[in-house]
Amino acid sequence: MNSAAKGRFIVFEGIDGAGKSELSRRLSEYLASLGIDTVLTAEPSNSWIGDVLRTESKTTGPVANTLFYVADRAEHTSQIKKWLNSGRWVLCDRYVGSTLAYQGALLSDKVENAWNWLKEINRPAAISPDVTFLLKISPEEAMNRLNLRAGIPGRFEKFNFLKKVSDNYDLVAFEDSSYVIVDASMSRDDVFSYVLSRLPEI
C-alpha cells in the first residue's frame, strides 16, 4: 500500500474480552480530534451479508458460515479501498485474523487442511493493513471480563474454545508482519499509549 497517496488501514484483533472495540472507538475519537478524517468500521459489516451473520449464524453450518464471512469481507474490503483512496484513515474492529483464529478453531476437525483453506479463500477478499494490533490477553482473564460483562458466556466465549482461538492468533501474528502484539492486561490508558506509539506516521 502506498500510504503517502492513500489513507491508513488499522485493524484491531483479539479474543473476546480483550478490549479491542473500546480501544478502536477511543483511537477513532483521538484521531478525529487531530483533524484526521477517520472511519470506524467492524466485521461483520453493515451490509446485508453482515446482517445475515448477526441474525442467522447459529442456524447455518460452520463451513457455510465461514463462506458468509468471506463474502462479507469481500464487500467490506471494496468499501475500505474507497475510503483509503480518498485519504481517510480506516479503523476496523476485526478482519481476516478473526476468521483465521475463530473459524480455524471451529473447522479444525471438520475441514481437511482448514488453516490453508481459510487463508486461500480469504486471499482475494482482503488487503494488507498498515498495522494490525493484536490485543493479547489470557483466556482466563478474558473469561473473567466476559462473565462480569454479560453473566453467561456465549458459544464463542467458552474457555477451551478461547484457548484454541488464542493459539491461532499467535500463529497468525507469526505469519503476518503487520501484527503488533499489545499486552491487553495493562490498564486501558497504558494500552492506548502503547498503541499510539506504534501508529503509522500521522
C-alpha atoms as a PDB file:
ATOM      1  CA  MET A   1       0.000   0.000   0.000  1.00  0.00           C
ATOM      2  CA  ASN A   2       1.271   3.451  -0.889  1.00  0.00           C
ATOM      3  CA  SER A   3       0.464   5.162   2.382  1.00  0.00           C
ATOM      4  CA  ALA A   4       1.698   8.531   1.059  1.00  0.00           C
ATOM      5  CA  ALA A   5      -1.106   8.603  -1.520  1.00  0.00           C
ATOM      6  CA  LYS A   6      -3.762   6.790   0.492  1.00  0.00           C
ATOM      7  CA  GLY A   7      -5.170   6.730   3.963  1.00  0.00           C
ATOM      8  CA  ARG A   8      -4.099   4.292   6.663  1.00  0.00           C
ATOM      9  CA  PHE A   9      -5.720   0.939   7.359  1.00  0.00           C
ATOM     10  CA  ILE A  10      -5.547  -0.099  11.013  1.00  0.00           C
ATOM     11  CA  VAL A  11      -7.051  -3.347  12.294  1.00  0.00           C
ATOM     12  CA  PHE A  12      -7.770  -4.493  15.852  1.00  0.00           C
ATOM     13  CA  GLU A  13      -7.812  -8.198  16.666  1.00  0.00           C
ATOM     14  CA  GLY A  14      -8.077 -10.301  19.800  1.00  0.00           C
ATOM     15  CA  ILE A  15     -10.196 -12.852  21.618  1.00  0.00           C
ATOM     16  CA  ASP A  16     -13.479 -11.763  23.148  1.00  0.00           C
ATOM     17  CA  GLY A  17     -12.898  -9.650  26.230  1.00  0.00           C
ATOM     18  CA  ALA A  18      -9.547  -8.254  25.093  1.00  0.00           C
ATOM     19  CA  GLY A  19     -10.912  -4.711  24.781  1.00  0.00           C
ATOM     20  CA  LYS A  20     -10.415  -4.061  21.066  1.00  0.00           C
ATOM     21  CA  SER A  21     -13.834  -2.490  20.418  1.00  0.00           C
ATOM     22  CA  GLU A  22     -13.389   0.081  23.174  1.00  0.00           C
ATOM     23  CA  LEU A  23      -9.822   0.769  22.039  1.00  0.00           C
ATOM     24  CA  SER A  24     -10.807   1.261  18.388  1.00  0.00           C
ATOM     25  CA  ARG A  25     -13.527   3.729  19.413  1.00  0.00           C
ATOM     26  CA  ARG A  26     -11.112   5.653  21.615  1.00  0.00           C
ATOM     27  CA  LEU A  27      -8.495   5.848  18.878  1.00  0.00           C
ATOM     28  CA  SER A  28     -11.100   6.989  16.373  1.00  0.00           C
ATOM     29  CA  GLU A  29     -12.120   9.840  18.663  1.00  0.00           C
ATOM     30  CA  TYR A  30      -8.486  10.767  19.264  1.00  0.00           C
ATOM     31  CA  LEU A  31      -7.612  10.881  15.565  1.00  0.00           C
ATOM     32  CA  ALA A  32     -10.727  12.920  14.839  1.00  0.00           C
ATOM     33  CA  SER A  33      -9.626  15.425  17.498  1.00  0.00           C
ATOM     34  CA  LEU A  34      -6.410  15.863  15.486  1.00  0.00           C
ATOM     35  CA  GLY A  35      -8.421  16.669  12.378  1.00  0.00           C
ATOM     36  CA  ILE A  36      -7.794  13.307  10.709  1.00  0.00           C
ATOM     37  CA  ASP A  37     -10.719  12.074   8.612  1.00  0.00           C
ATOM     38  CA  THR A  38     -11.376   8.695  10.202  1.00  0.00           C
ATOM     39  CA  VAL A  39     -13.809   5.844   9.542  1.00  0.00           C
ATOM     40  CA  LEU A  40     -14.586   3.369  12.331  1.00  0.00           C
ATOM     41  CA  THR A  41     -15.899   0.099  10.941  1.00  0.00           C
ATOM     42  CA  ALA A  42     -16.170  -3.534  12.005  1.00  0.00           C
ATOM     43  CA  GLU A  43     -16.780  -7.064  10.839  1.00  0.00           C
ATOM     44  CA  PRO A  44     -19.329  -8.430  10.330  1.00  0.00           C
ATOM     45  CA  SER A  45     -20.013  -5.264   8.328  1.00  0.00           C
ATOM     46  CA  ASN A  46     -23.236  -3.309   7.948  1.00  0.00           C
ATOM     47  CA  SER A  47     -24.011  -4.996   4.616  1.00  0.00           C
ATOM     48  CA  TRP A  48     -26.928  -7.376   4.160  1.00  0.00           C
ATOM     49  CA  ILE A  49     -24.442 -10.247   4.414  1.00  0.00           C
ATOM     50  CA  GLY A  50     -23.253  -8.894   7.750  1.00  0.00           C
ATOM     51  CA  ASP A  51     -26.875  -8.750   8.896  1.00  0.00           C
ATOM     52  CA  VAL A  52     -27.265 -12.424   7.986  1.00  0.00           C
ATOM     53  CA  LEU A  53     -24.195 -13.289  10.045  1.00  0.00           C
ATOM     54  CA  ARG A  54     -25.518 -11.416  13.062  1.00  0.00           C
ATOM     55  CA  THR A  55     -29.021 -12.885  12.892  1.00  0.00           C
ATOM     56  CA  GLU A  56     -28.709 -16.298  11.247  1.00  0.00           C
ATOM     57  CA  SER A  57     -25.203 -17.557  12.019  1.00  0.00           C
ATOM     58  CA  LYS A  58     -26.422 -20.051  14.613  1.00  0.00           C
ATOM     59  CA  THR A  59     -28.708 -21.727  12.076  1.00  0.00           C
ATOM     60  CA  THR A  60     -26.069 -22.422   9.418  1.00  0.00           C
ATOM     61  CA  GLY A  61     -23.261 -24.966   9.437  1.00  0.00           C
ATOM     62  CA  PRO A  62     -19.665 -23.857  10.138  1.00  0.00           C
ATOM     63  CA  VAL A  63     -18.495 -24.137   6.520  1.00  0.00           C
ATOM     64  CA  ALA A  64     -21.437 -22.139   5.157  1.00  0.00           C
ATOM     65  CA  ASN A  65     -20.991 -19.641   7.961  1.00  0.00           C
ATOM     66  CA  THR A  66     -17.313 -19.218   7.055  1.00  0.00           C
ATOM     67  CA  LEU A  67     -18.188 -18.544   3.425  1.00  0.00           C
ATOM     68  CA  PHE A  68     -20.617 -15.849   4.533  1.00  0.00           C
ATOM     69  CA  TYR A  69     -17.785 -14.200   6.481  1.00  0.00           C
ATOM     70  CA  VAL A  70     -15.571 -14.227   3.393  1.00  0.00           C
ATOM     71  CA  ALA A  71     -18.351 -12.840   1.198  1.00  0.00           C
ATOM     72  CA  ASP A  72     -18.995 -10.077   3.714  1.00  0.00           C
ATOM     73  CA  ARG A  73     -15.268  -9.304   3.816  1.00  0.00           C
ATOM     74  CA  ALA A  74     -15.066  -9.053   0.023  1.00  0.00           C
ATOM     75  CA  GLU A  75     -17.829  -6.427   0.002  1.00  0.00           C
ATOM     76  CA  HIS A  76     -16.386  -4.661   3.017  1.00  0.00           C
ATOM     77  CA  THR A  77     -12.902  -4.556   1.511  1.00  0.00           C
ATOM     78  CA  SER A  78     -14.273  -2.906  -1.607  1.00  0.00           C
ATOM     79  CA  GLN A  79     -15.634  -0.096   0.563  1.00  0.00           C
ATOM     80  CA  ILE A  80     -12.435   0.098   2.623  1.00  0.00           C
ATOM     81  CA  LYS A  81     -10.411   0.627  -0.555  1.00  0.00           C
ATOM     82  CA  LYS A  82     -12.648   3.564  -1.496  1.00  0.00           C
ATOM     83  CA  TRP A  83     -12.179   5.145   1.920  1.00  0.00           C
ATOM     84  CA  LEU A  84      -8.420   4.684   1.745  1.00  0.00           C
ATOM     85  CA  ASN A  85      -8.197   6.087  -1.766  1.00  0.00           C
ATOM     86  CA  SER A  86      -9.977   9.207  -0.559  1.00  0.00           C
ATOM     87  CA  GLY A  87      -7.250   9.670   2.066  1.00  0.00           C
ATOM     88  CA  ARG A  88      -9.261   8.580   5.104  1.00  0.00           C
ATOM     89  CA  TRP A  89      -7.918   6.513   7.992  1.00  0.00           C
ATOM     90  CA  VAL A  90      -9.894   3.289   8.398  1.00  0.00           C
ATOM     91  CA  LEU A  91     -10.038   1.619  11.817  1.00  0.00           C
ATOM     92  CA  CYS A  92     -11.501  -1.884  11.608  1.00  0.00           C
ATOM     93  CA  ASP A  93     -12.660  -3.954  14.578  1.00  0.00           C
ATOM     94  CA  ARG A  94     -11.840  -7.499  13.328  1.00  0.00           C
ATOM     95  CA  TYR A  95     -10.692  -8.508   9.863  1.00  0.00           C
ATOM     96  CA  VAL A  96      -9.046 -11.575   8.301  1.00  0.00           C
ATOM     97  CA  GLY A  97      -7.307 -12.565  11.526  1.00  0.00           C
ATOM     98  CA  SER A  98     -10.637 -13.168  13.224  1.00  0.00           C
ATOM     99  CA  THR A  99     -11.711 -15.628  10.558  1.00  0.00           C
ATOM    100  CA  LEU A 100      -8.414 -17.482  10.712  1.00  0.00           C
ATOM    101  CA  ALA A 101      -8.495 -17.609  14.507  1.00  0.00           C
ATOM    102  CA  TYR A 102     -12.181 -18.333  15.138  1.00  0.00           C
ATOM    103  CA  GLN A 103     -13.154 -20.335  12.083  1.00  0.00           C
ATOM    104  CA  GLY A 104      -9.785 -22.062  12.282  1.00  0.00           C
ATOM    105  CA  ALA A 105     -10.795 -23.338  15.713  1.00  0.00           C
ATOM    106  CA  LEU A 106     -14.299 -24.304  14.575  1.00  0.00           C
ATOM    107  CA  LEU A 107     -13.213 -26.099  11.406  1.00  0.00           C
ATOM    108  CA  SER A 108     -10.021 -27.809  12.587  1.00  0.00           C
ATOM    109  CA  ASP A 109     -11.756 -31.191  12.825  1.00  0.00           C
ATOM    110  CA  LYS A 110     -14.284 -30.610  10.026  1.00  0.00           C
ATOM    111  CA  VAL A 111     -12.237 -29.464   7.022  1.00  0.00           C
ATOM    112  CA  GLU A 112      -9.014 -31.034   5.785  1.00  0.00           C
ATOM    113  CA  ASN A 113      -6.135 -28.544   5.955  1.00  0.00           C
ATOM    114  CA  ALA A 114      -8.574 -25.987   7.361  1.00  0.00           C
ATOM    115  CA  TRP A 115      -5.868 -23.407   8.059  1.00  0.00           C
ATOM    116  CA  ASN A 116      -4.580 -23.337   4.486  1.00  0.00           C
ATOM    117  CA  TRP A 117      -8.110 -23.404   3.084  1.00  0.00           C
ATOM    118  CA  LEU A 118      -9.088 -20.382   5.156  1.00  0.00           C
ATOM    119  CA  LYS A 119      -6.027 -18.440   4.056  1.00  0.00           C
ATOM    120  CA  GLU A 120      -6.648 -19.186   0.377  1.00  0.00           C
ATOM    121  CA  ILE A 121     -10.346 -18.283   0.308  1.00  0.00           C
ATOM    122  CA  ASN A 122      -9.624 -15.015   2.111  1.00  0.00           C
ATOM    123  CA  ARG A 123      -6.730 -14.015  -0.141  1.00  0.00           C
ATOM    124  CA  PRO A 124      -8.812 -12.376  -2.915  1.00  0.00           C
ATOM    125  CA  ALA A 125     -11.241 -10.859  -0.395  1.00  0.00           C
ATOM    126  CA  ALA A 126      -8.764  -8.859   1.683  1.00  0.00           C
ATOM    127  CA  ILE A 127      -5.986  -6.279   1.603  1.00  0.00           C
ATOM    128  CA  SER A 128      -2.979  -5.859   3.894  1.00  0.00           C
ATOM    129  CA  PRO A 129      -3.409  -3.430   6.802  1.00  0.00           C
ATOM    130  CA  ASP A 130      -0.740  -0.858   7.609  1.00  0.00           C
ATOM    131  CA  VAL A 131      -0.779  -2.255  11.132  1.00  0.00           C
ATOM    132  CA  THR A 132      -2.803  -4.882  12.982  1.00  0.00           C
ATOM    133  CA  PHE A 133      -2.952  -4.547  16.748  1.00  0.00           C
ATOM    134  CA  LEU A 134      -3.420  -7.937  18.407  1.00  0.00           C
ATOM    135  CA  LEU A 135      -4.656  -7.367  21.930  1.00  0.00           C
ATOM    136  CA  LYS A 136      -3.187 -10.290  23.805  1.00  0.00           C
ATOM    137  CA  ILE A 137      -4.915 -11.489  26.954  1.00  0.00           C
ATOM    138  CA  SER A 138      -5.106 -14.888  28.637  1.00  0.00           C
ATOM    139  CA  PRO A 139      -8.314 -16.879  28.142  1.00  0.00           C
ATOM    140  CA  GLU A 140      -8.703 -16.921  31.926  1.00  0.00           C
ATOM    141  CA  GLU A 141      -8.709 -13.118  32.154  1.00  0.00           C
ATOM    142  CA  ALA A 142     -10.943 -12.891  29.106  1.00  0.00           C
ATOM    143  CA  MET A 143     -13.493 -15.173  30.739  1.00  0.00           C
ATOM    144  CA  ASN A 144     -13.400 -13.103  33.927  1.00  0.00           C
ATOM    145  CA  ARG A 145     -14.129  -9.947  31.947  1.00  0.00           C
ATOM    146  CA  LEU A 146     -16.871 -11.589  29.891  1.00  0.00           C
ATOM    147  CA  ASN A 147     -18.597 -13.036  32.945  1.00  0.00           C
ATOM    148  CA  LEU A 148     -18.620  -9.615  34.573  1.00  0.00           C
ATOM    149  CA  ARG A 149     -19.952  -8.044  31.387  1.00  0.00           C
ATOM    150  CA  ALA A 150     -22.653 -10.486  30.330  1.00  0.00           C
ATOM    151  CA  GLY A 151     -23.213 -13.032  33.073  1.00  0.00           C
ATOM    152  CA  ILE A 152     -23.408 -16.109  30.837  1.00  0.00           C
ATOM    153  CA  PRO A 153     -20.729 -16.863  28.227  1.00  0.00           C
ATOM    154  CA  GLY A 154     -21.904 -17.381  24.648  1.00  0.00           C
ATOM    155  CA  ARG A 155     -20.764 -20.054  22.226  1.00  0.00           C
ATOM    156  CA  PHE A 156     -17.643 -18.088  21.240  1.00  0.00           C
ATOM    157  CA  GLU A 157     -16.804 -17.396  24.853  1.00  0.00           C
ATOM    158  CA  LYS A 158     -16.157 -20.800  26.345  1.00  0.00           C
ATOM    159  CA  PHE A 159     -12.744 -21.229  27.861  1.00  0.00           C
ATOM    160  CA  ASN A 160     -11.473 -24.185  25.814  1.00  0.00           C
ATOM    161  CA  PHE A 161     -12.616 -22.552  22.599  1.00  0.00           C
ATOM    162  CA  LEU A 162     -10.993 -19.227  23.500  1.00  0.00           C
ATOM    163  CA  LYS A 163      -7.758 -21.091  24.200  1.00  0.00           C
ATOM    164  CA  LYS A 164      -7.784 -22.548  20.669  1.00  0.00           C
ATOM    165  CA  VAL A 165      -8.603 -19.118  19.221  1.00  0.00           C
ATOM    166  CA  SER A 166      -5.776 -17.517  21.197  1.00  0.00           C
ATOM    167  CA  ASP A 167      -3.316 -20.123  19.911  1.00  0.00           C
ATOM    168  CA  ASN A 168      -4.484 -19.469  16.357  1.00  0.00           C
ATOM    169  CA  TYR A 169      -3.937 -15.731  16.802  1.00  0.00           C
ATOM    170  CA  ASP A 170      -0.347 -16.470  17.825  1.00  0.00           C
ATOM    171  CA  LEU A 171       0.126 -18.322  14.554  1.00  0.00           C
ATOM    172  CA  VAL A 172      -1.469 -15.515  12.530  1.00  0.00           C
ATOM    173  CA  ALA A 173       0.800 -12.944  14.186  1.00  0.00           C
ATOM    174  CA  PHE A 174       3.854 -15.093  13.467  1.00  0.00           C
ATOM    175  CA  GLU A 175       2.973 -15.279   9.770  1.00  0.00           C
ATOM    176  CA  ASP A 176       1.796 -11.679   9.255  1.00  0.00           C
ATOM    177  CA  SER A 177       4.359  -8.895   9.567  1.00  0.00           C
ATOM    178  CA  SER A 178       1.645  -6.244  10.027  1.00  0.00           C
ATOM    179  CA  TYR A 179       0.879  -7.574  13.521  1.00  0.00           C
ATOM    180  CA  VAL A 180       1.882  -5.686  16.654  1.00  0.00           C
ATOM    181  CA  ILE A 181       1.206  -7.591  19.871  1.00  0.00           C
ATOM    182  CA  VAL A 182      -0.263  -5.493  22.691  1.00  0.00           C
ATOM    183  CA  ASP A 183      -0.383  -6.661  26.304  1.00  0.00           C
ATOM    184  CA  ALA A 184      -4.093  -6.142  26.908  1.00  0.00           C
ATOM    185  CA  SER A 185      -3.753  -6.975  30.608  1.00  0.00           C
ATOM    186  CA  MET A 186      -2.300  -3.488  31.101  1.00  0.00           C
ATOM    187  CA  SER A 187      -4.536  -0.597  32.109  1.00  0.00           C
ATOM    188  CA  ARG A 188      -6.701   0.940  29.389  1.00  0.00           C
ATOM    189  CA  ASP A 189      -4.561   4.072  29.404  1.00  0.00           C
ATOM    190  CA  ASP A 190      -1.319   2.106  29.089  1.00  0.00           C
ATOM    191  CA  VAL A 191      -2.756   0.060  26.218  1.00  0.00           C
ATOM    192  CA  PHE A 192      -3.853   3.248  24.477  1.00  0.00           C
ATOM    193  CA  SER A 193      -0.467   4.908  24.955  1.00  0.00           C
ATOM    194  CA  TYR A 194       1.328   1.887  23.541  1.00  0.00           C
ATOM    195  CA  VAL A 195      -0.926   1.775  20.501  1.00  0.00           C
ATOM    196  CA  LEU A 196      -0.318   5.490  19.888  1.00  0.00           C
ATOM    197  CA  SER A 197       3.421   4.825  19.941  1.00  0.00           C
ATOM    198  CA  ARG A 198       3.068   2.196  17.210  1.00  0.00           C
ATOM    199  CA  LEU A 199       0.754   4.060  14.835  1.00  0.00           C
ATOM    200  CA  PRO A 200       1.826   4.839  11.286  1.00  0.00           C
ATOM    201  CA  GLU A 201       3.221   8.356  10.894  1.00  0.00           C
ATOM    202  CA  ILE A 202       0.491  10.970  11.237  1.00  0.00           C
END
